[in-house]
Every structure is written in structure tokens, then in C-alpha cells.
């Protein structure tokens, strides 16, 4: 099973501003995110994970991943 997980809003985001697109600004709090009209691009931490588990735990693990905005992808 391969799962894409998106991080919760409490992790740092990287933003590039129109005023200086060569510099990345680290935003650790969503309330401090710059004005969207000033943002050229932003990125958030994302992982690609392979979970190996006995079959008896598969259902609860899939539920946990779905609760955390995970996406199951085909290989």
C-alpha cells in the first residue's frame, strides 16, 4: 500500500514572495501566512510512504491514513 500524506497546518510552509522570489520565507503559523496576492508560490511538507503491516492491522491503519488526509495510490 502506498499512501500520500499531507501535513497538518501546524508544520512550516515555505513561501516565495513577489517582492523577492529568490528567497523562501518559512511560515510556521497559518495566521502569519503572507497576503495571498503577494505569494508567487508556496510548498508544504508531503511524504510518500510504504506501510508494511500484518493484514489484521490494515483496516485501522487505512482509517488512520484517511483521517489524516492520506491518499492511497496504485504502484
Foldseek 3Di string as FASTA:
>chain_A
DKKKFFADLQDWKWFAFPVGNVDTDTDRHPVPDDDPVGTPDMGGDMDIDDDDDPPVCVVVVVVVCVVRVMDDDDD
